[in-house]
Amino acid sequence: MKPIHNDRQAAVYILANRRDGTLYTGVTSNLVKRIHEHKTGVSEGFAARYGCDRLVHFELFDHIADAIAREKQIKAGSRAKKIALIEAHNPGWADLYPEIIA
């Protein structure tokens, strides 16, 4: 994965509440801040309602428009495709948040 080179890094991400659990796909211009918001309950909505706070997949982009296009592509795919995407890079469904704040 491409390293986060600053706080203002466009990204698409997938959160889960547990392995093989509920999935949430989002897009942001600041991945570290956005995931922190999910983890601390600042954000209301679907992810908070279902306890999706485990970052299981992310992709970084130089431009937010590219991240938005990728988010739409992921959301249009089946659940099986999302799971395959997660497991291709994160087979244990580990929380990747510590990786992006390191």
C-alpha atoms as a PDB file:
ATOM      1  CA  MET A   1       0.000   0.000   0.000  1.00  0.00           C
ATOM      2  CA  LYS A   2       1.067   3.545  -0.702  1.00  0.00           C
ATOM      3  CA  PRO A   3       2.241   5.281   2.520  1.00  0.00           C
ATOM      4  CA  ILE A   4       0.279   8.194   3.945  1.00  0.00           C
ATOM      5  CA  HIS A   5       2.486  11.186   3.206  1.00  0.00           C
ATOM      6  CA  ASN A   6       0.434  13.864   4.967  1.00  0.00           C
ATOM      7  CA  ASP A   7      -2.797  14.398   6.869  1.00  0.00           C
ATOM      8  CA  ARG A   8      -4.636  15.535   3.744  1.00  0.00           C
ATOM      9  CA  GLN A   9      -4.490  12.215   1.890  1.00  0.00           C
ATOM     10  CA  ALA A  10      -7.479  11.184  -0.213  1.00  0.00           C
ATOM     11  CA  ALA A  11      -8.595   7.658   0.578  1.00  0.00           C
ATOM     12  CA  VAL A  12     -11.348   5.121   0.256  1.00  0.00           C
ATOM     13  CA  TYR A  13     -11.764   2.786   3.211  1.00  0.00           C
ATOM     14  CA  ILE A  14     -13.754  -0.158   4.484  1.00  0.00           C
ATOM     15  CA  LEU A  15     -14.733  -0.547   8.135  1.00  0.00           C
ATOM     16  CA  ALA A  16     -16.127  -3.663   9.791  1.00  0.00           C
ATOM     17  CA  ASN A  17     -17.583  -4.374  13.188  1.00  0.00           C
ATOM     18  CA  ARG A  18     -15.959  -7.837  13.268  1.00  0.00           C
ATOM     19  CA  ARG A  19     -14.587 -10.470  10.915  1.00  0.00           C
ATOM     20  CA  ASP A  20     -17.248 -11.288   8.300  1.00  0.00           C
ATOM     21  CA  GLY A  21     -19.519  -8.735   9.962  1.00  0.00           C
ATOM     22  CA  THR A  22     -21.192  -5.569   8.795  1.00  0.00           C
ATOM     23  CA  LEU A  23     -19.171  -3.528   6.293  1.00  0.00           C
ATOM     24  CA  TYR A  24     -19.102   0.215   5.697  1.00  0.00           C
ATOM     25  CA  THR A  25     -17.327   1.824   2.729  1.00  0.00           C
ATOM     26  CA  GLY A  26     -16.397   5.496   2.857  1.00  0.00           C
ATOM     27  CA  VAL A  27     -14.232   8.159   1.262  1.00  0.00           C
ATOM     28  CA  THR A  28     -12.292  10.976   2.895  1.00  0.00           C
ATOM     29  CA  SER A  29      -9.615  13.572   2.312  1.00  0.00           C
ATOM     30  CA  ASN A  30      -8.077  12.878   5.743  1.00  0.00           C
ATOM     31  CA  LEU A  31      -7.990   9.161   6.595  1.00  0.00           C
ATOM     32  CA  VAL A  32      -6.395   9.432  10.038  1.00  0.00           C
ATOM     33  CA  LYS A  33      -8.904  12.038  11.229  1.00  0.00           C
ATOM     34  CA  ARG A  34     -11.910  10.234   9.727  1.00  0.00           C
ATOM     35  CA  ILE A  35     -11.091   6.851  11.246  1.00  0.00           C
ATOM     36  CA  HIS A  36     -10.461   8.529  14.599  1.00  0.00           C
ATOM     37  CA  GLU A  37     -13.951  10.045  14.335  1.00  0.00           C
ATOM     38  CA  HIS A  38     -15.443   6.596  13.696  1.00  0.00           C
ATOM     39  CA  LYS A  39     -13.521   5.087  16.616  1.00  0.00           C
ATOM     40  CA  THR A  40     -14.506   7.800  19.100  1.00  0.00           C
ATOM     41  CA  GLY A  41     -18.169   7.875  18.112  1.00  0.00           C
ATOM     42  CA  VAL A  42     -18.089  11.455  16.816  1.00  0.00           C
ATOM     43  CA  SER A  43     -19.685  10.342  13.554  1.00  0.00           C
ATOM     44  CA  GLU A  44     -23.333   9.401  13.571  1.00  0.00           C
ATOM     45  CA  GLY A  45     -24.977   7.226  10.959  1.00  0.00           C
ATOM     46  CA  PHE A  46     -24.648   3.714   9.575  1.00  0.00           C
ATOM     47  CA  ALA A  47     -21.110   2.984  10.791  1.00  0.00           C
ATOM     48  CA  ALA A  48     -21.877   4.122  14.335  1.00  0.00           C
ATOM     49  CA  ARG A  49     -25.243   2.357  14.418  1.00  0.00           C
ATOM     50  CA  TYR A  50     -23.640  -0.986  13.518  1.00  0.00           C
ATOM     51  CA  GLY A  51     -20.406  -0.526  15.467  1.00  0.00           C
ATOM     52  CA  CYS A  52     -18.186  -0.421  12.378  1.00  0.00           C
ATOM     53  CA  ASP A  53     -14.944   0.952  13.780  1.00  0.00           C
ATOM     54  CA  ARG A  54     -12.318  -1.560  12.599  1.00  0.00           C
ATOM     55  CA  LEU A  55     -10.347  -0.299   9.581  1.00  0.00           C
ATOM     56  CA  VAL A  56      -9.922  -3.448   7.489  1.00  0.00           C
ATOM     57  CA  HIS A  57      -9.028  -1.973   4.085  1.00  0.00           C
ATOM     58  CA  PHE A  58      -7.917   1.337   2.630  1.00  0.00           C
ATOM     59  CA  GLU A  59      -6.574   2.692  -0.623  1.00  0.00           C
ATOM     60  CA  LEU A  60      -4.801   6.034  -0.999  1.00  0.00           C
ATOM     61  CA  PHE A  61      -5.102   8.460  -3.910  1.00  0.00           C
ATOM     62  CA  ASP A  62      -3.460  11.684  -4.997  1.00  0.00           C
ATOM     63  CA  HIS A  63      -6.816  13.229  -5.930  1.00  0.00           C
ATOM     64  CA  ILE A  64     -10.149  13.068  -4.102  1.00  0.00           C
ATOM     65  CA  ALA A  65     -11.993  12.575  -7.410  1.00  0.00           C
ATOM     66  CA  ASP A  66     -10.118   9.301  -7.913  1.00  0.00           C
ATOM     67  CA  ALA A  67     -11.002   8.179  -4.377  1.00  0.00           C
ATOM     68  CA  ILE A  68     -14.676   9.003  -4.968  1.00  0.00           C
ATOM     69  CA  ALA A  69     -14.692   7.034  -8.215  1.00  0.00           C
ATOM     70  CA  ARG A  70     -13.127   4.040  -6.467  1.00  0.00           C
ATOM     71  CA  GLU A  71     -15.645   4.278  -3.601  1.00  0.00           C
ATOM     72  CA  LYS A  72     -18.496   4.114  -6.118  1.00  0.00           C
ATOM     73  CA  GLN A  73     -16.874   1.099  -7.770  1.00  0.00           C
ATOM     74  CA  ILE A  74     -16.487  -0.732  -4.444  1.00  0.00           C
ATOM     75  CA  LYS A  75     -20.032   0.112  -3.321  1.00  0.00           C
ATOM     76  CA  ALA A  76     -21.434  -1.152  -6.620  1.00  0.00           C
ATOM     77  CA  GLY A  77     -19.752  -4.518  -6.090  1.00  0.00           C
ATOM     78  CA  SER A  78     -21.168  -7.457  -4.206  1.00  0.00           C
ATOM     79  CA  ARG A  79     -20.450  -8.272  -0.585  1.00  0.00           C
ATOM     80  CA  ALA A  80     -18.344 -11.205  -1.823  1.00  0.00           C
ATOM     81  CA  LYS A  81     -16.176  -8.808  -3.841  1.00  0.00           C
ATOM     82  CA  LYS A  82     -15.691  -6.554  -0.806  1.00  0.00           C
ATOM     83  CA  ILE A  83     -14.688  -9.534   1.329  1.00  0.00           C
ATOM     84  CA  ALA A  84     -12.260 -10.717  -1.363  1.00  0.00           C
ATOM     85  CA  LEU A  85     -10.754  -7.216  -1.491  1.00  0.00           C
ATOM     86  CA  ILE A  86     -10.270  -7.182   2.283  1.00  0.00           C
ATOM     87  CA  GLU A  87      -8.861 -10.692   2.460  1.00  0.00           C
ATOM     88  CA  ALA A  88      -6.417 -10.117  -0.426  1.00  0.00           C
ATOM     89  CA  HIS A  89      -4.459  -7.629   1.724  1.00  0.00           C
ATOM     90  CA  ASN A  90      -5.714  -8.302   5.244  1.00  0.00           C
ATOM     91  CA  PRO A  91      -6.690 -11.990   5.568  1.00  0.00           C
ATOM     92  CA  GLY A  92      -6.933 -11.780   9.357  1.00  0.00           C
ATOM     93  CA  TRP A  93      -9.206  -8.725   9.271  1.00  0.00           C
ATOM     94  CA  ALA A  94      -6.803  -6.907  11.591  1.00  0.00           C
ATOM     95  CA  ASP A  95      -7.579  -3.312  12.522  1.00  0.00           C
ATOM     96  CA  LEU A  96      -5.227  -1.279  10.296  1.00  0.00           C
ATOM     97  CA  TYR A  97      -5.660   1.968  12.252  1.00  0.00           C
ATOM     98  CA  PRO A  98      -2.355   1.539  14.132  1.00  0.00           C
ATOM     99  CA  GLU A  99      -0.637   1.230  10.745  1.00  0.00           C
ATOM    100  CA  ILE A 100      -1.869   4.625   9.532  1.00  0.00           C
ATOM    101  CA  ILE A 101      -1.020   6.528  12.723  1.00  0.00           C
ATOM    102  CA  ALA A 102       2.470   5.063  13.088  1.00  0.00           C
END
